[in-house]
Amino acid sequence: DERTQLMGQIDANISFKEFFNLTDNFFQKEWLGPKRYKLYKEGQFDFDKFFDPKGRLYTLDELRELDERTFKILGL
């Protein structure tokens, strides 16, 4: 069970991406927000695609500009 793995301490050497991949759907949806979560789960957006080269989270408008086709397919 994924939640069991997340109880207690987490290795300091784990990246946020690795941690995020261990979390449950509830946490992922809360952290990404409902539209980014839909892109992540249904649009096959890789976690890294949500961030610019400086590590800043892209806005939904910025993501739409980068991949308008996926937004249209998902009706976002």
PDB file of N, CA and C in Angstrom:
ATOM      1  N   ASP A   1       0.843  -1.191   0.000  1.00  0.00           N
ATOM      2  CA  ASP A   1       0.000   0.000   0.000  1.00  0.00           C
ATOM      3  C   ASP A   1       0.884   1.249   0.000  1.00  0.00           C
ATOM      4  N   GLU A   2       0.566   2.195  -0.902  1.00  0.00           N
ATOM      5  CA  GLU A   2       1.382   3.398  -1.045  1.00  0.00           C
ATOM      6  C   GLU A   2       1.405   4.243   0.222  1.00  0.00           C
ATOM      7  N   ARG A   3       0.280   4.351   0.900  1.00  0.00           N
ATOM      8  CA  ARG A   3       0.219   5.188   2.104  1.00  0.00           C
ATOM      9  C   ARG A   3       1.152   4.669   3.194  1.00  0.00           C
ATOM     10  N   THR A   4       1.280   3.380   3.298  1.00  0.00           N
ATOM     11  CA  THR A   4       2.169   2.799   4.292  1.00  0.00           C
ATOM     12  C   THR A   4       3.597   3.259   4.064  1.00  0.00           C
ATOM     13  N   GLN A   5       3.998   3.363   2.812  1.00  0.00           N
ATOM     14  CA  GLN A   5       5.349   3.807   2.482  1.00  0.00           C
ATOM     15  C   GLN A   5       5.576   5.256   2.883  1.00  0.00           C
ATOM     16  N   LEU A   6       4.525   6.056   2.952  1.00  0.00           N
ATOM     17  CA  LEU A   6       4.667   7.482   3.212  1.00  0.00           C
ATOM     18  C   LEU A   6       4.550   7.845   4.687  1.00  0.00           C
ATOM     19  N   MET A   7       4.236   6.895   5.523  1.00  0.00           N
ATOM     20  CA  MET A   7       4.144   7.170   6.952  1.00  0.00           C
ATOM     21  C   MET A   7       5.536   7.228   7.543  1.00  0.00           C
ATOM     22  N   GLY A   8       5.757   8.186   8.420  1.00  0.00           N
ATOM     23  CA  GLY A   8       7.061   8.298   9.058  1.00  0.00           C
ATOM     24  C   GLY A   8       8.008   9.142   8.241  1.00  0.00           C
ATOM     25  N   GLN A   9       9.279   8.877   8.407  1.00  0.00           N
ATOM     26  CA  GLN A   9      10.299   9.681   7.753  1.00  0.00           C
ATOM     27  C   GLN A   9      10.500   9.262   6.301  1.00  0.00           C
ATOM     28  N   ILE A  10      10.966  10.235   5.527  1.00  0.00           N
ATOM     29  CA  ILE A  10      11.273  10.002   4.116  1.00  0.00           C
ATOM     30  C   ILE A  10      12.757  10.251   3.927  1.00  0.00           C
ATOM     31  N   ASP A  11      13.384   9.444   3.120  1.00  0.00           N
ATOM     32  CA  ASP A  11      14.806   9.592   2.825  1.00  0.00           C
ATOM     33  C   ASP A  11      15.090  11.000   2.314  1.00  0.00           C
ATOM     34  N   ALA A  12      16.066  11.665   2.885  1.00  0.00           N
ATOM     35  CA  ALA A  12      16.419  13.034   2.496  1.00  0.00           C
ATOM     36  C   ALA A  12      16.955  13.102   1.075  1.00  0.00           C
ATOM     37  N   ASN A  13      17.371  11.993   0.525  1.00  0.00           N
ATOM     38  CA  ASN A  13      17.936  11.978  -0.823  1.00  0.00           C
ATOM     39  C   ASN A  13      16.892  11.789  -1.922  1.00  0.00           C
ATOM     40  N   ILE A  14      15.636  11.626  -1.543  1.00  0.00           N
ATOM     41  CA  ILE A  14      14.580  11.418  -2.531  1.00  0.00           C
ATOM     42  C   ILE A  14      14.197  12.770  -3.146  1.00  0.00           C
ATOM     43  N   SER A  15      13.995  12.781  -4.452  1.00  0.00           N
ATOM     44  CA  SER A  15      13.565  14.015  -5.119  1.00  0.00           C
ATOM     45  C   SER A  15      12.061  14.180  -4.916  1.00  0.00           C
ATOM     46  N   PHE A  16      11.575  15.404  -5.145  1.00  0.00           N
ATOM     47  CA  PHE A  16      10.135  15.615  -5.018  1.00  0.00           C
ATOM     48  C   PHE A  16       9.390  14.788  -6.059  1.00  0.00           C
ATOM     49  N   LYS A  17       9.954  14.678  -7.245  1.00  0.00           N
ATOM     50  CA  LYS A  17       9.319  13.865  -8.285  1.00  0.00           C
ATOM     51  C   LYS A  17       9.168  12.415  -7.824  1.00  0.00           C
ATOM     52  N   GLU A  18      10.212  11.861  -7.229  1.00  0.00           N
ATOM     53  CA  GLU A  18      10.145  10.482  -6.718  1.00  0.00           C
ATOM     54  C   GLU A  18       9.102  10.378  -5.608  1.00  0.00           C
ATOM     55  N   PHE A  19       9.090  11.353  -4.704  1.00  0.00           N
ATOM     56  CA  PHE A  19       8.101  11.377  -3.628  1.00  0.00           C
ATOM     57  C   PHE A  19       6.692  11.455  -4.209  1.00  0.00           C
ATOM     58  N   PHE A  20       6.507  12.367  -5.164  1.00  0.00           N
ATOM     59  CA  PHE A  20       5.197  12.568  -5.782  1.00  0.00           C
ATOM     60  C   PHE A  20       4.682  11.275  -6.400  1.00  0.00           C
ATOM     61  N   ASN A  21       5.554  10.540  -7.059  1.00  0.00           N
ATOM     62  CA  ASN A  21       5.153   9.281  -7.690  1.00  0.00           C
ATOM     63  C   ASN A  21       4.743   8.216  -6.675  1.00  0.00           C
ATOM     64  N   LEU A  22       5.153   8.360  -5.429  1.00  0.00           N
ATOM     65  CA  LEU A  22       4.778   7.412  -4.374  1.00  0.00           C
ATOM     66  C   LEU A  22       3.455   7.770  -3.705  1.00  0.00           C
ATOM     67  N   THR A  23       2.979   8.995  -3.939  1.00  0.00           N
ATOM     68  CA  THR A  23       1.777   9.457  -3.248  1.00  0.00           C
ATOM     69  C   THR A  23       0.516   8.922  -3.912  1.00  0.00           C
ATOM     70  N   ASP A  24      -0.591   9.042  -3.180  1.00  0.00           N
ATOM     71  CA  ASP A  24      -1.866   8.566  -3.713  1.00  0.00           C
ATOM     72  C   ASP A  24      -2.516   9.628  -4.603  1.00  0.00           C
ATOM     73  N   ASN A  25      -3.590   9.234  -5.259  1.00  0.00           N
ATOM     74  CA  ASN A  25      -4.286  10.131  -6.184  1.00  0.00           C
ATOM     75  C   ASN A  25      -4.809  11.378  -5.491  1.00  0.00           C
ATOM     76  N   PHE A  26      -5.265  11.253  -4.247  1.00  0.00           N
ATOM     77  CA  PHE A  26      -5.786  12.408  -3.519  1.00  0.00           C
ATOM     78  C   PHE A  26      -4.706  13.474  -3.362  1.00  0.00           C
ATOM     79  N   PHE A  27      -3.531  13.077  -2.910  1.00  0.00           N
ATOM     80  CA  PHE A  27      -2.434  14.036  -2.734  1.00  0.00           C
ATOM     81  C   PHE A  27      -2.062  14.662  -4.068  1.00  0.00           C
ATOM     82  N   GLN A  28      -1.941  13.842  -5.101  1.00  0.00           N
ATOM     83  CA  GLN A  28      -1.545  14.348  -6.414  1.00  0.00           C
ATOM     84  C   GLN A  28      -2.545  15.372  -6.940  1.00  0.00           C
ATOM     85  N   LYS A  29      -3.834  15.089  -6.764  1.00  0.00           N
ATOM     86  CA  LYS A  29      -4.867  16.022  -7.237  1.00  0.00           C
ATOM     87  C   LYS A  29      -4.847  17.312  -6.426  1.00  0.00           C
ATOM     88  N   GLU A  30      -4.657  17.193  -5.121  1.00  0.00           N
ATOM     89  CA  GLU A  30      -4.580  18.387  -4.271  1.00  0.00           C
ATOM     90  C   GLU A  30      -3.379  19.243  -4.637  1.00  0.00           C
ATOM     91  N   TRP A  31      -2.249  18.622  -4.894  1.00  0.00           N
ATOM     92  CA  TRP A  31      -1.021  19.371  -5.163  1.00  0.00           C
ATOM     93  C   TRP A  31      -1.035  19.989  -6.557  1.00  0.00           C
ATOM     94  N   LEU A  32      -1.478  19.238  -7.557  1.00  0.00           N
ATOM     95  CA  LEU A  32      -1.496  19.738  -8.932  1.00  0.00           C
ATOM     96  C   LEU A  32      -2.703  20.614  -9.231  1.00  0.00           C
ATOM     97  N   GLY A  33      -3.804  20.363  -8.549  1.00  0.00           N
ATOM     98  CA  GLY A  33      -5.070  20.997  -8.899  1.00  0.00           C
ATOM     99  C   GLY A  33      -5.803  20.103  -9.884  1.00  0.00           C
ATOM    100  N   PRO A  34      -7.116  20.259  -9.987  1.00  0.00           N
ATOM    101  CA  PRO A  34      -7.902  19.323 -10.791  1.00  0.00           C
ATOM    102  C   PRO A  34      -7.547  19.285 -12.280  1.00  0.00           C
ATOM    103  N   LYS A  35      -7.251  20.426 -12.889  1.00  0.00           N
ATOM    104  CA  LYS A  35      -6.965  20.428 -14.332  1.00  0.00           C
ATOM    105  C   LYS A  35      -5.581  19.869 -14.638  1.00  0.00           C
ATOM    106  N   ARG A  36      -4.586  20.251 -13.854  1.00  0.00           N
ATOM    107  CA  ARG A  36      -3.243  19.685 -14.067  1.00  0.00           C
ATOM    108  C   ARG A  36      -3.267  18.178 -13.785  1.00  0.00           C
ATOM    109  N   TYR A  37      -4.029  17.789 -12.765  1.00  0.00           N
ATOM    110  CA  TYR A  37      -4.150  16.368 -12.432  1.00  0.00           C
ATOM    111  C   TYR A  37      -4.733  15.589 -13.619  1.00  0.00           C
ATOM    112  N   LYS A  38      -5.754  16.160 -14.255  1.00  0.00           N
ATOM    113  CA  LYS A  38      -6.355  15.505 -15.422  1.00  0.00           C
ATOM    114  C   LYS A  38      -5.324  15.384 -16.541  1.00  0.00           C
ATOM    115  N   LEU A  39      -4.536  16.434 -16.743  1.00  0.00           N
ATOM    116  CA  LEU A  39      -3.471  16.373 -17.748  1.00  0.00           C
ATOM    117  C   LEU A  39      -2.463  15.289 -17.391  1.00  0.00           C
ATOM    118  N   TYR A  40      -2.134  15.184 -16.121  1.00  0.00           N
ATOM    119  CA  TYR A  40      -1.150  14.207 -15.643  1.00  0.00           C
ATOM    120  C   TYR A  40      -1.662  12.780 -15.840  1.00  0.00           C
ATOM    121  N   LYS A  41      -2.909  12.542 -15.451  1.00  0.00           N
ATOM    122  CA  LYS A  41      -3.451  11.182 -15.489  1.00  0.00           C
ATOM    123  C   LYS A  41      -3.988  10.782 -16.862  1.00  0.00           C
ATOM    124  N   GLU A  42      -4.738  11.680 -17.503  1.00  0.00           N
ATOM    125  CA  GLU A  42      -5.403  11.319 -18.756  1.00  0.00           C
ATOM    126  C   GLU A  42      -4.657  11.816 -19.989  1.00  0.00           C
ATOM    127  N   GLY A  43      -3.920  12.906 -19.842  1.00  0.00           N
ATOM    128  CA  GLY A  43      -3.221  13.480 -20.979  1.00  0.00           C
ATOM    129  C   GLY A  43      -1.805  12.986 -21.112  1.00  0.00           C
ATOM    130  N   GLN A  44      -1.415  12.117 -20.183  1.00  0.00           N
ATOM    131  CA  GLN A  44      -0.072  11.541 -20.198  1.00  0.00           C
ATOM    132  C   GLN A  44       1.029  12.601 -20.127  1.00  0.00           C
ATOM    133  N   PHE A  45       0.759  13.702 -19.414  1.00  0.00           N
ATOM    134  CA  PHE A  45       1.795  14.702 -19.174  1.00  0.00           C
ATOM    135  C   PHE A  45       2.768  14.135 -18.157  1.00  0.00           C
ATOM    136  N   ASP A  46       4.034  14.165 -18.472  1.00  0.00           N
ATOM    137  CA  ASP A  46       5.058  13.768 -17.519  1.00  0.00           C
ATOM    138  C   ASP A  46       5.142  14.834 -16.431  1.00  0.00           C
ATOM    139  N   PHE A  47       5.471  14.453 -15.228  1.00  0.00           N
ATOM    140  CA  PHE A  47       5.570  15.381 -14.097  1.00  0.00           C
ATOM    141  C   PHE A  47       6.449  16.582 -14.442  1.00  0.00           C
ATOM    142  N   ASP A  48       7.558  16.340 -15.121  1.00  0.00           N
ATOM    143  CA  ASP A  48       8.500  17.416 -15.450  1.00  0.00           C
ATOM    144  C   ASP A  48       7.917  18.451 -16.405  1.00  0.00           C
ATOM    145  N   LYS A  49       6.916  18.084 -17.156  1.00  0.00           N
ATOM    146  CA  LYS A  49       6.327  19.000 -18.141  1.00  0.00           C
ATOM    147  C   LYS A  49       5.578  20.158 -17.476  1.00  0.00           C
ATOM    148  N   PHE A  50       5.267  20.040 -16.192  1.00  0.00           N
ATOM    149  CA  PHE A  50       4.546  21.092 -15.482  1.00  0.00           C
ATOM    150  C   PHE A  50       5.454  22.229 -15.025  1.00  0.00           C
ATOM    151  N   PHE A  51       6.752  22.077 -15.212  1.00  0.00           N
ATOM    152  CA  PHE A  51       7.714  23.056 -14.692  1.00  0.00           C
ATOM    153  C   PHE A  51       8.556  23.657 -15.801  1.00  0.00           C
ATOM    154  N   ASP A  52       8.859  24.959 -15.649  1.00  0.00           N
ATOM    155  CA  ASP A  52       9.759  25.607 -16.604  1.00  0.00           C
ATOM    156  C   ASP A  52      11.198  25.241 -16.245  1.00  0.00           C
ATOM    157  N   PRO A  53      12.176  25.656 -17.056  1.00  0.00           N
ATOM    158  CA  PRO A  53      13.573  25.284 -16.782  1.00  0.00           C
ATOM    159  C   PRO A  53      14.103  25.744 -15.416  1.00  0.00           C
ATOM    160  N   LYS A  54      13.460  26.747 -14.829  1.00  0.00           N
ATOM    161  CA  LYS A  54      13.881  27.228 -13.507  1.00  0.00           C
ATOM    162  C   LYS A  54      13.167  26.507 -12.368  1.00  0.00           C
ATOM    163  N   GLY A  55      12.288  25.572 -12.707  1.00  0.00           N
ATOM    164  CA  GLY A  55      11.573  24.813 -11.690  1.00  0.00           C
ATOM    165  C   GLY A  55      10.272  25.458 -11.244  1.00  0.00           C
ATOM    166  N   ARG A  56       9.850  26.513 -11.921  1.00  0.00           N
ATOM    167  CA  ARG A  56       8.599  27.198 -11.593  1.00  0.00           C
ATOM    168  C   ARG A  56       7.440  26.451 -12.247  1.00  0.00           C
ATOM    169  N   LEU A  57       6.354  26.310 -11.518  1.00  0.00           N
ATOM    170  CA  LEU A  57       5.167  25.633 -12.038  1.00  0.00           C
ATOM    171  C   LEU A  57       4.530  26.496 -13.128  1.00  0.00           C
ATOM    172  N   TYR A  58       4.322  25.912 -14.307  1.00  0.00           N
ATOM    173  CA  TYR A  58       3.653  26.630 -15.389  1.00  0.00           C
ATOM    174  C   TYR A  58       2.195  26.892 -15.016  1.00  0.00           C
ATOM    175  N   THR A  59       1.658  28.013 -15.471  1.00  0.00           N
ATOM    176  CA  THR A  59       0.226  28.264 -15.331  1.00  0.00           C
ATOM    177  C   THR A  59      -0.500  27.388 -16.345  1.00  0.00           C
ATOM    178  N   LEU A  60      -1.803  27.243 -16.176  1.00  0.00           N
ATOM    179  CA  LEU A  60      -2.579  26.463 -17.141  1.00  0.00           C
ATOM    180  C   LEU A  60      -2.530  27.101 -18.526  1.00  0.00           C
ATOM    181  N   ASP A  61      -2.540  28.430 -18.588  1.00  0.00           N
ATOM    182  CA  ASP A  61      -2.448  29.110 -19.887  1.00  0.00           C
ATOM    183  C   ASP A  61      -1.117  28.812 -20.571  1.00  0.00           C
ATOM    184  N   GLU A  62      -0.045  28.802 -19.800  1.00  0.00           N
ATOM    185  CA  GLU A  62       1.273  28.485 -20.370  1.00  0.00           C
ATOM    186  C   GLU A  62       1.313  27.041 -20.867  1.00  0.00           C
ATOM    187  N   LEU A  63       0.735  26.128 -20.084  1.00  0.00           N
ATOM    188  CA  LEU A  63       0.686  24.726 -20.508  1.00  0.00           C
ATOM    189  C   LEU A  63      -0.151  24.568 -21.773  1.00  0.00           C
ATOM    190  N   ARG A  64      -1.253  25.317 -21.843  1.00  0.00           N
ATOM    191  CA  ARG A  64      -2.119  25.259 -23.018  1.00  0.00           C
ATOM    192  C   ARG A  64      -1.353  25.706 -24.264  1.00  0.00           C
ATOM    193  N   GLU A  65      -0.558  26.756 -24.132  1.00  0.00           N
ATOM    194  CA  GLU A  65       0.250  27.224 -25.262  1.00  0.00           C
ATOM    195  C   GLU A  65       1.262  26.162 -25.693  1.00  0.00           C
ATOM    196  N   LEU A  66       1.828  25.446 -24.726  1.00  0.00           N
ATOM    197  CA  LEU A  66       2.833  24.433 -25.031  1.00  0.00           C
ATOM    198  C   LEU A  66       2.240  23.181 -25.681  1.00  0.00           C
ATOM    199  N   ASP A  67       0.992  22.847 -25.323  1.00  0.00           N
ATOM    200  CA  ASP A  67       0.394  21.610 -25.833  1.00  0.00           C
ATOM    201  C   ASP A  67      -1.112  21.779 -26.019  1.00  0.00           C
ATOM    202  N   GLU A  68      -1.484  22.616 -26.961  1.00  0.00           N
ATOM    203  CA  GLU A  68      -2.893  22.922 -27.202  1.00  0.00           C
ATOM    204  C   GLU A  68      -3.694  21.688 -27.607  1.00  0.00           C
ATOM    205  N   ARG A  69      -3.077  20.778 -28.335  1.00  0.00           N
ATOM    206  CA  ARG A  69      -3.762  19.569 -28.810  1.00  0.00           C
ATOM    207  C   ARG A  69      -4.292  18.730 -27.647  1.00  0.00           C
ATOM    208  N   THR A  70      -3.470  18.489 -26.635  1.00  0.00           N
ATOM    209  CA  THR A  70      -3.899  17.679 -25.493  1.00  0.00           C
ATOM    210  C   THR A  70      -5.038  18.355 -24.747  1.00  0.00           C
ATOM    211  N   PHE A  71      -4.975  19.676 -24.585  1.00  0.00           N
ATOM    212  CA  PHE A  71      -6.046  20.407 -23.914  1.00  0.00           C
ATOM    213  C   PHE A  71      -7.368  20.225 -24.663  1.00  0.00           C
ATOM    214  N   LYS A  72      -7.325  20.273 -25.990  1.00  0.00           N
ATOM    215  CA  LYS A  72      -8.548  20.107 -26.784  1.00  0.00           C
ATOM    216  C   LYS A  72      -9.110  18.697 -26.635  1.00  0.00           C
ATOM    217  N   ILE A  73      -8.240  17.701 -26.677  1.00  0.00           N
ATOM    218  CA  ILE A  73      -8.682  16.307 -26.545  1.00  0.00           C
ATOM    219  C   ILE A  73      -9.374  16.081 -25.206  1.00  0.00           C
ATOM    220  N   LEU A  74      -8.833  16.680 -24.128  1.00  0.00           N
ATOM    221  CA  LEU A  74      -9.385  16.481 -22.787  1.00  0.00           C
ATOM    222  C   LEU A  74     -10.509  17.460 -22.456  1.00  0.00           C
ATOM    223  N   GLY A  75     -10.785  18.396 -23.345  1.00  0.00           N
ATOM    224  CA  GLY A  75     -11.858  19.361 -23.114  1.00  0.00           C
ATOM    225  C   GLY A  75     -11.558  20.352 -22.012  1.00  0.00           C
ATOM    226  N   LEU A  76     -10.294  20.752 -21.887  1.00  0.00           N
ATOM    227  CA  LEU A  76      -9.903  21.707 -20.841  1.00  0.00           C
ATOM    228  C   LEU A  76      -9.770  23.105 -21.406  1.00  0.00           C
TER     229      LEU A  76
END
